[in-house]
């Protein structure tokens, strides 16, 4: 029976791979991977030999029809990203939507995603929150920040190391230097770190100690 499985993969520590995820990847007819070189190492580690194809933001529009045809013919497929849950700031939405529109079953497995542990260990309110992902790089960035300055829920952002200082400086400007912030990086990895403090304090910290690795920023909402 045709089905698309959305399969989360570890964001760092391979021990976070679930037994169910391994079984699905072993049993499906083919796997779609964001980067076959990165995912190849994961599959080799868990002795998964299922056929793998490239599916990323630069080719997903072109490959969807071929994938749908295989699924309509009764095959099963698993979609994975380089790390975490597909479609969360990664490819996956377009294929999922296409499957839903074509009455093909979609099943998302629970598993690793970076923003949940970052939110929980931030010490900031997590009963209500909004996931913003990556801020616009240029066009629309200031407008978005002006809107978010009035957001009362806890906010979650993804950021790259070389843009962290710019983003933290933006938060000082638009949210105020006393707004509480938590920056988590390298989650589940050897050098995992979470720095908590005001926007000003966290900016000063990373100005003196440049950050490396994957980064999640959690920002307190406006009081």
N, C-alpha and C. Protein backbone atom coordinates (compact mmCIF):
# COMPACT_ATOMS: atom_id res chain seq x y z
N UNK A 1 0.85 -1.19 0.00
CA UNK A 1 0.00 0.00 0.00
C UNK A 1 0.89 1.24 0.00
N UNK A 2 0.67 2.14 -0.94
CA UNK A 2 1.53 3.32 -1.07
C UNK A 2 1.41 4.22 0.15
N UNK A 3 2.54 4.78 0.54
CA UNK A 3 2.55 5.70 1.69
C UNK A 3 3.86 6.46 1.71
N UNK A 4 3.76 7.74 2.12
CA UNK A 4 4.95 8.55 2.37
C UNK A 4 5.16 8.61 3.87
N UNK A 5 6.34 8.20 4.31
CA UNK A 5 6.71 8.31 5.72
C UNK A 5 7.66 9.50 5.89
N UNK A 6 7.35 10.37 6.84
CA UNK A 6 8.25 11.46 7.21
C UNK A 6 9.04 10.97 8.42
N UNK A 7 10.35 10.82 8.25
CA UNK A 7 11.16 10.15 9.28
C UNK A 7 12.21 11.10 9.86
N UNK A 8 12.08 11.49 11.13
CA UNK A 8 13.10 12.32 11.76
C UNK A 8 14.39 11.53 11.96
N UNK A 9 15.51 12.24 11.86
CA UNK A 9 16.82 11.64 12.11
C UNK A 9 17.53 12.46 13.20
N UNK A 10 18.53 11.89 13.87
CA UNK A 10 19.20 12.59 14.97
C UNK A 10 19.78 13.94 14.55
N UNK A 11 19.75 14.90 15.48
CA UNK A 11 20.33 16.21 15.22
C UNK A 11 21.80 16.25 15.64
N UNK A 12 22.29 15.14 16.15
CA UNK A 12 23.69 15.07 16.55
C UNK A 12 24.04 13.69 17.08
N UNK A 13 23.42 13.34 18.19
CA UNK A 13 23.70 12.07 18.86
C UNK A 13 22.93 10.94 18.18
N UNK A 14 23.65 9.97 17.60
CA UNK A 14 23.01 8.88 16.86
C UNK A 14 22.14 7.99 17.75
N UNK A 15 22.36 8.05 19.06
CA UNK A 15 21.54 7.25 19.98
C UNK A 15 20.09 7.75 20.01
N UNK A 16 19.83 8.92 19.44
CA UNK A 16 18.46 9.45 19.41
C UNK A 16 17.64 8.88 18.26
N UNK A 17 18.24 8.06 17.42
CA UNK A 17 17.50 7.39 16.35
C UNK A 17 16.56 6.37 16.99
N UNK A 18 15.29 6.35 16.56
CA UNK A 18 14.33 5.44 17.17
C UNK A 18 14.34 4.08 16.46
N UNK A 19 13.93 3.04 17.19
CA UNK A 19 13.82 1.70 16.60
C UNK A 19 12.84 1.72 15.43
N UNK A 20 11.76 2.47 15.60
CA UNK A 20 10.74 2.53 14.55
C UNK A 20 11.27 3.19 13.30
N UNK A 21 12.05 4.27 13.47
CA UNK A 21 12.62 4.96 12.31
C UNK A 21 13.53 4.02 11.52
N UNK A 22 14.33 3.25 12.22
CA UNK A 22 15.23 2.29 11.55
C UNK A 22 14.42 1.27 10.77
N UNK A 23 13.36 0.74 11.39
CA UNK A 23 12.54 -0.28 10.74
C UNK A 23 11.87 0.27 9.48
N UNK A 24 11.34 1.49 9.57
CA UNK A 24 10.68 2.10 8.40
C UNK A 24 11.68 2.28 7.27
N UNK A 25 12.87 2.78 7.59
CA UNK A 25 13.88 3.00 6.56
C UNK A 25 14.36 1.69 5.94
N UNK A 26 14.29 0.63 6.70
CA UNK A 26 14.66 -0.68 6.16
C UNK A 26 13.56 -1.26 5.26
N UNK A 27 12.31 -0.95 5.59
CA UNK A 27 11.18 -1.60 4.93
C UNK A 27 10.65 -0.89 3.69
N UNK A 28 10.84 0.44 3.58
CA UNK A 28 10.27 1.17 2.45
C UNK A 28 10.98 0.79 1.15
N UNK A 29 10.34 1.11 0.03
CA UNK A 29 10.93 0.79 -1.27
C UNK A 29 12.07 1.74 -1.63
N UNK A 30 11.96 3.00 -1.22
CA UNK A 30 13.06 3.94 -1.48
C UNK A 30 13.03 5.08 -0.47
N UNK A 31 14.19 5.74 -0.33
CA UNK A 31 14.36 6.84 0.63
C UNK A 31 14.73 8.10 -0.14
N UNK A 32 14.12 9.22 0.25
CA UNK A 32 14.47 10.53 -0.29
C UNK A 32 15.28 11.26 0.77
N UNK A 33 16.48 11.71 0.39
CA UNK A 33 17.38 12.35 1.36
C UNK A 33 17.80 13.73 0.89
N UNK A 34 17.91 14.65 1.84
CA UNK A 34 18.31 16.01 1.52
C UNK A 34 19.71 16.03 0.93
N UNK A 35 20.64 15.33 1.56
CA UNK A 35 22.01 15.18 1.07
C UNK A 35 22.38 13.71 1.19
N UNK A 36 22.52 13.03 0.06
CA UNK A 36 22.76 11.59 0.09
C UNK A 36 24.10 11.24 0.74
N UNK A 37 25.06 12.16 0.69
CA UNK A 37 26.35 11.89 1.32
C UNK A 37 26.21 11.88 2.85
N UNK A 38 25.50 12.88 3.37
CA UNK A 38 25.27 12.94 4.82
C UNK A 38 24.42 11.76 5.28
N UNK A 39 23.32 11.52 4.59
CA UNK A 39 22.41 10.44 4.98
C UNK A 39 23.04 9.07 4.75
N UNK A 40 23.95 8.99 3.78
CA UNK A 40 24.62 7.72 3.53
C UNK A 40 25.39 7.23 4.74
N UNK A 41 25.99 8.15 5.46
CA UNK A 41 26.72 7.78 6.68
C UNK A 41 25.77 7.25 7.74
N UNK A 42 24.59 7.89 7.85
CA UNK A 42 23.59 7.45 8.82
C UNK A 42 23.09 6.05 8.48
N UNK A 43 22.74 5.85 7.22
CA UNK A 43 22.22 4.55 6.80
C UNK A 43 23.26 3.45 6.98
N UNK A 44 24.51 3.76 6.67
CA UNK A 44 25.57 2.77 6.85
C UNK A 44 25.73 2.40 8.31
N UNK A 45 25.63 3.40 9.20
CA UNK A 45 25.78 3.15 10.64
C UNK A 45 24.72 2.17 11.13
N UNK A 46 23.50 2.30 10.62
CA UNK A 46 22.42 1.43 11.07
C UNK A 46 22.17 0.25 10.11
N UNK A 47 23.11 0.03 9.20
CA UNK A 47 23.08 -1.11 8.26
C UNK A 47 21.78 -1.13 7.46
N UNK A 48 21.40 0.05 6.95
CA UNK A 48 20.21 0.19 6.11
C UNK A 48 20.67 0.28 4.66
N UNK A 49 20.17 -0.62 3.83
CA UNK A 49 20.63 -0.71 2.44
C UNK A 49 19.57 -0.27 1.43
N UNK A 50 18.50 0.33 1.88
CA UNK A 50 17.42 0.77 1.00
C UNK A 50 17.92 1.79 -0.02
N UNK A 51 17.41 1.69 -1.24
CA UNK A 51 17.78 2.62 -2.31
C UNK A 51 17.48 4.06 -1.90
N UNK A 52 18.42 4.98 -2.17
CA UNK A 52 18.28 6.37 -1.74
C UNK A 52 18.39 7.31 -2.94
N UNK A 53 17.57 8.37 -2.93
CA UNK A 53 17.59 9.38 -3.99
C UNK A 53 17.69 10.77 -3.36
N UNK A 54 18.23 11.71 -4.12
CA UNK A 54 18.39 13.08 -3.65
C UNK A 54 17.08 13.85 -3.77
N UNK A 55 16.71 14.55 -2.71
CA UNK A 55 15.49 15.36 -2.71
C UNK A 55 15.75 16.57 -1.82
N UNK A 56 16.00 17.72 -2.45
CA UNK A 56 16.36 18.91 -1.68
C UNK A 56 15.70 20.15 -2.29
N UNK A 57 15.95 21.31 -1.69
CA UNK A 57 15.24 22.53 -2.07
C UNK A 57 15.49 22.94 -3.52
N UNK A 58 16.60 22.47 -4.11
CA UNK A 58 16.93 22.88 -5.48
C UNK A 58 16.32 21.96 -6.54
N UNK A 59 15.85 20.78 -6.14
CA UNK A 59 15.28 19.88 -7.15
C UNK A 59 13.89 19.36 -6.82
N UNK A 60 13.35 19.74 -5.64
CA UNK A 60 12.09 19.13 -5.21
C UNK A 60 10.93 19.44 -6.15
N UNK A 61 10.93 20.61 -6.78
CA UNK A 61 9.85 20.94 -7.71
C UNK A 61 9.87 20.01 -8.92
N UNK A 62 11.08 19.61 -9.33
CA UNK A 62 11.23 18.79 -10.54
C UNK A 62 10.98 17.30 -10.27
N UNK A 63 11.19 16.86 -9.05
CA UNK A 63 11.13 15.42 -8.77
C UNK A 63 9.79 14.94 -8.23
N UNK A 64 8.93 15.85 -7.82
CA UNK A 64 7.67 15.45 -7.18
C UNK A 64 6.80 14.57 -8.08
N UNK A 65 6.68 14.91 -9.35
CA UNK A 65 5.83 14.12 -10.25
C UNK A 65 6.32 12.68 -10.36
N UNK A 66 7.63 12.50 -10.46
CA UNK A 66 8.20 11.15 -10.54
C UNK A 66 7.93 10.36 -9.27
N UNK A 67 8.08 11.04 -8.12
CA UNK A 67 7.83 10.39 -6.83
C UNK A 67 6.36 10.00 -6.71
N UNK A 68 5.45 10.90 -7.09
CA UNK A 68 4.02 10.61 -7.02
C UNK A 68 3.66 9.41 -7.90
N UNK A 69 4.28 9.32 -9.06
CA UNK A 69 4.01 8.21 -9.96
C UNK A 69 4.39 6.88 -9.32
N UNK A 70 5.55 6.85 -8.67
CA UNK A 70 5.99 5.62 -7.98
C UNK A 70 5.05 5.28 -6.83
N UNK A 71 4.61 6.31 -6.10
CA UNK A 71 3.70 6.06 -4.99
C UNK A 71 2.34 5.57 -5.49
N UNK A 72 1.86 6.15 -6.58
CA UNK A 72 0.59 5.71 -7.16
C UNK A 72 0.67 4.26 -7.64
N UNK A 73 1.88 3.82 -7.96
CA UNK A 73 2.06 2.44 -8.41
C UNK A 73 2.21 1.46 -7.25
N UNK A 74 2.03 1.98 -6.02
CA UNK A 74 1.99 1.09 -4.86
C UNK A 74 3.26 1.02 -4.04
N UNK A 75 4.26 1.85 -4.37
CA UNK A 75 5.50 1.82 -3.60
C UNK A 75 5.37 2.65 -2.33
N UNK A 76 6.29 2.41 -1.42
CA UNK A 76 6.36 3.21 -0.19
C UNK A 76 7.68 3.97 -0.17
N UNK A 77 7.65 5.13 0.48
CA UNK A 77 8.80 6.03 0.46
C UNK A 77 8.99 6.67 1.83
N UNK A 78 10.25 6.89 2.20
CA UNK A 78 10.57 7.61 3.43
C UNK A 78 11.34 8.87 3.08
N UNK A 79 10.95 9.98 3.66
CA UNK A 79 11.65 11.25 3.46
C UNK A 79 12.45 11.59 4.71
N UNK A 80 13.74 11.85 4.53
CA UNK A 80 14.59 12.25 5.65
C UNK A 80 15.34 13.53 5.27
N UNK A 81 15.75 14.29 6.27
CA UNK A 81 16.59 15.47 6.04
C UNK A 81 17.95 15.19 6.66
N UNK A 82 18.86 16.15 6.55
CA UNK A 82 20.20 15.94 7.09
C UNK A 82 20.17 15.72 8.60
N UNK A 83 19.24 16.38 9.28
CA UNK A 83 19.11 16.24 10.73
C UNK A 83 17.75 16.76 11.16
N UNK A 84 17.14 16.07 12.11
CA UNK A 84 15.85 16.52 12.64
C UNK A 84 14.68 16.05 11.80
N UNK A 85 13.56 16.75 11.94
CA UNK A 85 12.31 16.38 11.28
C UNK A 85 12.16 17.11 9.95
N UNK A 86 11.98 16.39 8.85
CA UNK A 86 11.79 17.05 7.56
C UNK A 86 10.63 18.04 7.59
N UNK A 87 10.74 19.08 6.77
CA UNK A 87 9.73 20.14 6.61
C UNK A 87 9.82 21.21 7.70
N UNK A 88 10.61 20.98 8.75
CA UNK A 88 10.84 22.01 9.76
C UNK A 88 12.11 22.75 9.37
N UNK A 89 11.96 23.86 8.64
CA UNK A 89 13.08 24.60 8.06
C UNK A 89 13.94 23.71 7.17
N UNK A 90 13.34 22.72 6.56
CA UNK A 90 13.99 21.78 5.64
C UNK A 90 12.97 21.38 4.58
N UNK A 91 13.43 20.77 3.47
CA UNK A 91 12.48 20.30 2.45
C UNK A 91 11.50 19.29 3.03
N UNK A 92 10.30 19.25 2.46
CA UNK A 92 9.30 18.29 2.92
C UNK A 92 7.88 18.75 2.73
N UNK A 93 7.65 20.05 2.87
CA UNK A 93 6.29 20.56 2.77
C UNK A 93 5.68 20.32 1.40
N UNK A 94 6.41 20.62 0.34
CA UNK A 94 5.86 20.50 -1.01
C UNK A 94 5.44 19.07 -1.32
N UNK A 95 6.30 18.11 -0.97
CA UNK A 95 5.98 16.70 -1.24
C UNK A 95 4.81 16.24 -0.38
N UNK A 96 4.80 16.64 0.88
CA UNK A 96 3.69 16.26 1.77
C UNK A 96 2.37 16.79 1.23
N UNK A 97 2.35 18.06 0.84
CA UNK A 97 1.14 18.66 0.29
C UNK A 97 0.69 17.94 -0.98
N UNK A 98 1.64 17.61 -1.85
CA UNK A 98 1.31 16.92 -3.09
C UNK A 98 0.70 15.55 -2.82
N UNK A 99 1.22 14.85 -1.82
CA UNK A 99 0.68 13.53 -1.47
C UNK A 99 -0.74 13.67 -0.91
N UNK A 100 -0.95 14.65 -0.04
CA UNK A 100 -2.29 14.87 0.52
C UNK A 100 -3.28 15.19 -0.59
N UNK A 101 -2.88 16.04 -1.53
CA UNK A 101 -3.77 16.42 -2.63
C UNK A 101 -4.06 15.26 -3.57
N UNK A 102 -3.17 14.27 -3.59
CA UNK A 102 -3.34 13.11 -4.47
C UNK A 102 -3.81 11.87 -3.71
N UNK A 103 -4.34 12.09 -2.50
CA UNK A 103 -4.91 11.00 -1.70
C UNK A 103 -3.92 9.87 -1.42
N UNK A 104 -2.67 10.22 -1.23
CA UNK A 104 -1.65 9.26 -0.84
C UNK A 104 -1.41 9.41 0.67
N UNK A 105 -1.43 8.31 1.38
CA UNK A 105 -1.26 8.36 2.83
C UNK A 105 0.08 8.97 3.22
N UNK A 106 0.05 9.82 4.24
CA UNK A 106 1.27 10.42 4.79
C UNK A 106 1.30 10.12 6.28
N UNK A 107 2.43 9.66 6.77
CA UNK A 107 2.59 9.36 8.19
C UNK A 107 3.90 9.94 8.68
N UNK A 108 3.84 10.81 9.67
CA UNK A 108 5.04 11.42 10.25
C UNK A 108 5.39 10.73 11.56
N UNK A 109 6.59 10.19 11.65
CA UNK A 109 7.04 9.56 12.88
C UNK A 109 7.49 10.64 13.87
N UNK A 110 7.30 10.41 15.17
CA UNK A 110 7.84 11.36 16.16
C UNK A 110 9.34 11.15 16.26
N UNK A 111 10.03 12.22 16.62
CA UNK A 111 11.48 12.08 16.74
C UNK A 111 12.17 13.41 16.94
N UNK A 112 13.46 13.41 16.67
CA UNK A 112 14.31 14.56 16.99
C UNK A 112 13.94 15.80 16.20
N UNK A 113 13.95 16.93 16.89
CA UNK A 113 13.88 18.25 16.26
C UNK A 113 14.53 19.24 17.23
N UNK A 114 15.29 20.18 16.72
CA UNK A 114 16.14 21.00 17.58
C UNK A 114 15.38 21.97 18.47
N UNK A 115 14.24 22.50 18.00
CA UNK A 115 13.64 23.60 18.76
C UNK A 115 12.95 23.14 20.05
N UNK A 116 12.54 21.89 20.13
CA UNK A 116 11.84 21.43 21.34
C UNK A 116 12.77 21.40 22.55
N UNK A 117 13.93 20.72 22.50
CA UNK A 117 14.82 20.77 23.68
C UNK A 117 15.33 22.17 23.98
N UNK A 118 15.55 22.98 22.95
CA UNK A 118 16.01 24.35 23.18
C UNK A 118 14.97 25.15 23.94
N UNK A 119 13.70 24.97 23.58
CA UNK A 119 12.61 25.66 24.26
C UNK A 119 12.48 25.20 25.69
N UNK A 120 12.49 23.89 25.89
CA UNK A 120 12.26 23.33 27.23
C UNK A 120 13.38 23.71 28.19
N UNK A 121 14.64 23.66 27.72
CA UNK A 121 15.73 23.96 28.66
C UNK A 121 16.07 25.45 28.74
N UNK A 122 15.32 26.30 28.02
CA UNK A 122 15.57 27.74 28.07
C UNK A 122 15.18 28.36 29.40
N UNK A 123 14.22 27.74 30.08
CA UNK A 123 13.70 28.33 31.31
C UNK A 123 12.67 29.42 31.06
N UNK A 124 12.32 29.62 29.79
CA UNK A 124 11.31 30.61 29.43
C UNK A 124 9.95 29.92 29.28
N UNK A 125 8.86 30.67 29.39
CA UNK A 125 7.52 30.06 29.32
C UNK A 125 7.35 29.23 28.04
N UNK A 126 6.86 28.00 28.18
CA UNK A 126 6.66 27.15 27.01
C UNK A 126 5.24 26.63 26.87
N UNK A 127 4.32 27.25 27.61
CA UNK A 127 2.92 26.85 27.46
C UNK A 127 2.34 27.38 26.15
N UNK A 128 2.86 28.52 25.69
CA UNK A 128 2.47 29.08 24.40
C UNK A 128 3.73 29.64 23.74
N UNK A 129 3.93 29.26 22.48
CA UNK A 129 5.13 29.72 21.78
C UNK A 129 4.87 29.77 20.29
N UNK A 130 5.75 30.49 19.59
CA UNK A 130 5.66 30.60 18.13
C UNK A 130 7.02 30.27 17.53
N UNK A 131 7.02 29.41 16.50
CA UNK A 131 8.25 29.03 15.83
C UNK A 131 8.43 29.90 14.60
N UNK A 132 9.50 30.70 14.58
CA UNK A 132 9.75 31.62 13.47
C UNK A 132 10.77 31.08 12.47
N UNK A 133 11.54 30.07 12.85
CA UNK A 133 12.56 29.56 11.95
C UNK A 133 13.62 30.62 11.69
N UNK A 134 14.07 30.73 10.44
CA UNK A 134 15.08 31.73 10.08
C UNK A 134 14.41 33.06 9.73
N UNK A 135 14.94 34.15 10.27
CA UNK A 135 14.45 35.48 9.92
C UNK A 135 14.84 35.80 8.47
N UNK A 136 14.09 36.67 7.79
CA UNK A 136 14.50 37.10 6.45
C UNK A 136 15.91 37.67 6.50
N UNK A 137 16.71 37.36 5.50
CA UNK A 137 18.10 37.83 5.50
C UNK A 137 18.17 39.34 5.27
N UNK A 138 17.44 39.84 4.27
CA UNK A 138 17.46 41.27 3.96
C UNK A 138 16.05 41.82 3.81
N UNK A 139 15.42 41.54 2.70
CA UNK A 139 14.10 42.08 2.41
C UNK A 139 13.07 41.60 3.44
N UNK A 140 12.41 42.54 4.06
CA UNK A 140 11.37 42.21 5.02
C UNK A 140 11.84 41.94 6.43
N UNK A 141 13.15 41.97 6.67
CA UNK A 141 13.69 41.65 7.99
C UNK A 141 13.24 42.67 9.04
N UNK A 142 13.42 43.96 8.75
CA UNK A 142 13.05 44.99 9.71
C UNK A 142 11.55 44.97 9.99
N UNK A 143 10.75 44.81 8.95
CA UNK A 143 9.30 44.76 9.12
C UNK A 143 8.90 43.59 10.00
N UNK A 144 9.54 42.45 9.77
CA UNK A 144 9.23 41.26 10.58
C UNK A 144 9.61 41.48 12.04
N UNK A 145 10.75 42.07 12.28
CA UNK A 145 11.19 42.33 13.65
C UNK A 145 10.28 43.32 14.36
N UNK A 146 9.80 44.31 13.64
CA UNK A 146 8.86 45.27 14.24
C UNK A 146 7.57 44.59 14.67
N UNK A 147 7.11 43.65 13.88
CA UNK A 147 5.90 42.89 14.23
C UNK A 147 6.17 41.99 15.43
N UNK A 148 7.31 41.31 15.40
CA UNK A 148 7.64 40.37 16.47
C UNK A 148 7.93 41.06 17.80
N UNK A 149 8.28 42.33 17.76
CA UNK A 149 8.54 43.09 18.99
C UNK A 149 7.30 43.16 19.86
N UNK A 150 6.12 42.98 19.25
CA UNK A 150 4.86 43.03 20.00
C UNK A 150 4.33 41.64 20.37
N UNK A 151 5.06 40.58 19.94
CA UNK A 151 4.62 39.21 20.20
C UNK A 151 4.72 38.90 21.70
N UNK A 152 3.64 38.38 22.28
CA UNK A 152 3.64 38.09 23.72
C UNK A 152 4.00 36.64 24.03
N UNK A 153 3.98 35.79 23.02
CA UNK A 153 4.37 34.40 23.23
C UNK A 153 5.89 34.23 23.12
N UNK A 154 6.43 33.18 23.72
CA UNK A 154 7.84 32.87 23.56
C UNK A 154 8.12 32.59 22.08
N UNK A 155 9.24 33.11 21.58
CA UNK A 155 9.58 32.97 20.17
C UNK A 155 10.82 32.10 19.99
N UNK A 156 10.81 31.29 18.92
CA UNK A 156 11.92 30.39 18.63
C UNK A 156 12.46 30.69 17.24
N UNK A 157 13.78 30.81 17.16
CA UNK A 157 14.44 31.11 15.89
C UNK A 157 15.58 30.12 15.63
N UNK A 158 15.84 29.87 14.36
CA UNK A 158 17.06 29.16 13.96
C UNK A 158 18.02 30.21 13.41
N UNK A 159 19.32 29.99 13.64
CA UNK A 159 20.31 30.93 13.10
C UNK A 159 21.63 30.22 12.83
N UNK A 160 22.38 30.75 11.88
CA UNK A 160 23.70 30.21 11.57
C UNK A 160 24.74 30.97 12.39
N UNK A 161 25.90 30.36 12.65
CA UNK A 161 26.90 31.00 13.51
C UNK A 161 27.36 32.37 13.01
N UNK A 162 27.55 32.52 11.69
CA UNK A 162 28.09 33.79 11.19
C UNK A 162 27.06 34.92 11.16
N UNK A 163 25.79 34.60 11.43
CA UNK A 163 24.76 35.64 11.47
C UNK A 163 24.22 35.85 12.89
N UNK A 164 24.76 35.10 13.85
CA UNK A 164 24.24 35.17 15.22
C UNK A 164 24.37 36.56 15.82
N UNK A 165 25.53 37.19 15.70
CA UNK A 165 25.73 38.51 16.32
C UNK A 165 24.79 39.55 15.72
N UNK A 166 24.59 39.51 14.41
CA UNK A 166 23.67 40.44 13.77
C UNK A 166 22.26 40.27 14.31
N UNK A 167 21.83 39.01 14.45
CA UNK A 167 20.48 38.75 14.95
C UNK A 167 20.33 39.17 16.40
N UNK A 168 21.32 38.88 17.23
CA UNK A 168 21.25 39.29 18.63
C UNK A 168 21.24 40.81 18.75
N UNK A 169 22.02 41.49 17.90
CA UNK A 169 22.01 42.96 17.90
C UNK A 169 20.65 43.49 17.49
N UNK A 170 20.02 42.82 16.53
CA UNK A 170 18.66 43.19 16.12
C UNK A 170 17.69 43.04 17.29
N UNK A 171 17.84 41.99 18.07
CA UNK A 171 16.95 41.77 19.21
C UNK A 171 17.13 42.87 20.25
N UNK A 172 18.37 43.30 20.49
CA UNK A 172 18.62 44.40 21.42
C UNK A 172 17.92 45.66 20.93
N UNK A 173 18.00 45.90 19.62
CA UNK A 173 17.42 47.11 19.04
C UNK A 173 15.90 47.09 19.05
N UNK A 174 15.32 45.98 18.62
CA UNK A 174 13.87 45.93 18.44
C UNK A 174 13.12 45.42 19.67
N UNK A 175 13.74 44.56 20.47
CA UNK A 175 13.05 43.99 21.64
C UNK A 175 13.48 44.64 22.95
N UNK A 176 14.62 45.30 22.93
CA UNK A 176 15.16 45.92 24.15
C UNK A 176 16.27 45.09 24.75
N UNK A 177 17.25 45.76 25.34
CA UNK A 177 18.43 45.05 25.85
C UNK A 177 18.13 44.16 27.05
N UNK A 178 16.99 44.37 27.71
CA UNK A 178 16.66 43.57 28.90
C UNK A 178 15.77 42.36 28.59
N UNK A 179 15.42 42.17 27.32
CA UNK A 179 14.57 41.02 26.96
C UNK A 179 15.34 39.72 27.24
N UNK A 180 14.70 38.75 27.88
CA UNK A 180 15.35 37.49 28.22
C UNK A 180 15.51 36.61 26.97
N UNK A 181 16.70 36.02 26.85
CA UNK A 181 17.04 35.21 25.69
C UNK A 181 17.81 33.96 26.13
N UNK A 182 17.63 32.90 25.39
CA UNK A 182 18.40 31.67 25.60
C UNK A 182 18.92 31.20 24.25
N UNK A 183 20.22 30.97 24.17
CA UNK A 183 20.83 30.48 22.93
C UNK A 183 21.38 29.07 23.18
N UNK A 184 20.85 28.11 22.43
CA UNK A 184 21.35 26.73 22.53
C UNK A 184 22.07 26.38 21.23
N UNK A 185 23.22 25.77 21.36
CA UNK A 185 23.97 25.36 20.17
C UNK A 185 24.52 23.94 20.35
N UNK A 186 24.73 23.29 19.23
CA UNK A 186 25.28 21.93 19.22
C UNK A 186 24.47 20.99 20.11
N UNK A 187 23.16 21.10 20.07
CA UNK A 187 22.30 20.25 20.90
C UNK A 187 22.57 18.78 20.63
N UNK A 188 22.65 18.01 21.70
CA UNK A 188 22.90 16.55 21.75
C UNK A 188 24.34 16.18 21.39
N UNK A 189 25.18 17.17 21.04
CA UNK A 189 26.55 16.87 20.64
C UNK A 189 27.51 17.09 21.81
N UNK A 190 28.78 16.79 21.57
CA UNK A 190 29.79 16.82 22.63
C UNK A 190 29.93 18.20 23.27
N UNK A 191 29.87 19.26 22.45
CA UNK A 191 30.08 20.61 22.98
C UNK A 191 28.76 21.38 23.10
N UNK A 192 27.70 20.68 23.47
CA UNK A 192 26.40 21.33 23.65
C UNK A 192 26.51 22.45 24.69
N UNK A 193 25.86 23.58 24.39
CA UNK A 193 25.92 24.72 25.29
C UNK A 193 24.61 25.50 25.22
N UNK A 194 24.14 25.97 26.37
CA UNK A 194 23.00 26.88 26.42
C UNK A 194 23.39 28.09 27.24
N UNK A 195 23.30 29.27 26.63
CA UNK A 195 23.63 30.52 27.31
C UNK A 195 22.34 31.31 27.50
N UNK A 196 22.04 31.63 28.76
CA UNK A 196 20.82 32.36 29.09
C UNK A 196 21.18 33.73 29.67
N UNK A 197 20.31 34.71 29.43
CA UNK A 197 20.54 36.03 29.98
C UNK A 197 19.69 37.05 29.25
N UNK A 198 19.99 38.32 29.46
CA UNK A 198 19.30 39.38 28.71
C UNK A 198 19.88 39.43 27.31
N UNK A 199 19.19 40.11 26.42
CA UNK A 199 19.68 40.25 25.05
C UNK A 199 21.07 40.88 25.03
N UNK A 200 21.26 41.88 25.87
CA UNK A 200 22.55 42.56 25.94
C UNK A 200 23.64 41.62 26.45
N UNK A 201 23.34 40.86 27.50
CA UNK A 201 24.33 39.94 28.08
C UNK A 201 24.73 38.84 27.10
N UNK A 202 23.75 38.29 26.42
CA UNK A 202 24.04 37.20 25.48
C UNK A 202 24.82 37.72 24.28
N UNK A 203 24.49 38.93 23.82
CA UNK A 203 25.24 39.53 22.72
C UNK A 203 26.70 39.76 23.13
N UNK A 204 26.91 40.28 24.32
CA UNK A 204 28.27 40.52 24.80
C UNK A 204 29.05 39.21 24.93
N UNK A 205 28.36 38.16 25.38
CA UNK A 205 29.01 36.85 25.56
C UNK A 205 29.51 36.31 24.22
N UNK A 206 28.66 36.33 23.20
CA UNK A 206 29.05 35.75 21.91
C UNK A 206 29.92 36.70 21.09
N UNK A 207 29.98 37.97 21.47
CA UNK A 207 30.94 38.88 20.84
C UNK A 207 32.35 38.50 21.26
N UNK A 208 32.49 38.08 22.52
CA UNK A 208 33.80 37.67 23.04
C UNK A 208 34.12 36.21 22.71
N UNK A 209 33.07 35.40 22.54
CA UNK A 209 33.26 33.98 22.29
C UNK A 209 32.42 33.57 21.08
N UNK A 210 32.98 33.70 19.86
CA UNK A 210 32.23 33.38 18.64
C UNK A 210 31.64 31.97 18.68
N UNK A 211 30.40 31.87 18.26
CA UNK A 211 29.68 30.60 18.32
C UNK A 211 29.98 29.72 17.13
N UNK A 212 29.90 28.41 17.34
CA UNK A 212 30.04 27.44 16.27
C UNK A 212 28.87 26.47 16.35
N UNK A 213 28.58 25.83 15.24
CA UNK A 213 27.55 24.78 15.24
C UNK A 213 26.15 25.30 14.96
N UNK A 214 25.19 24.38 15.02
CA UNK A 214 23.79 24.71 14.79
C UNK A 214 23.24 25.47 16.00
N UNK A 215 22.42 26.50 15.74
CA UNK A 215 21.98 27.39 16.82
C UNK A 215 20.47 27.55 16.84
N UNK A 216 19.89 27.50 18.06
CA UNK A 216 18.48 27.80 18.28
C UNK A 216 18.42 28.93 19.30
N UNK A 217 17.67 29.99 18.96
CA UNK A 217 17.50 31.12 19.88
C UNK A 217 16.07 31.14 20.38
N UNK A 218 15.90 31.21 21.69
CA UNK A 218 14.58 31.29 22.30
C UNK A 218 14.47 32.66 22.98
N UNK A 219 13.41 33.41 22.64
CA UNK A 219 13.24 34.77 23.13
C UNK A 219 11.93 34.91 23.89
N UNK A 220 12.01 35.51 25.05
CA UNK A 220 10.81 35.75 25.86
C UNK A 220 9.87 36.70 25.13
N UNK A 221 8.57 36.50 25.29
CA UNK A 221 7.60 37.38 24.67
C UNK A 221 7.51 38.71 25.41
N UNK A 222 6.86 39.67 24.78
CA UNK A 222 6.69 40.98 25.38
C UNK A 222 5.74 40.88 26.56
N UNK A 223 6.10 41.50 27.66
CA UNK A 223 5.29 41.45 28.88
C UNK A 223 4.26 42.57 28.86
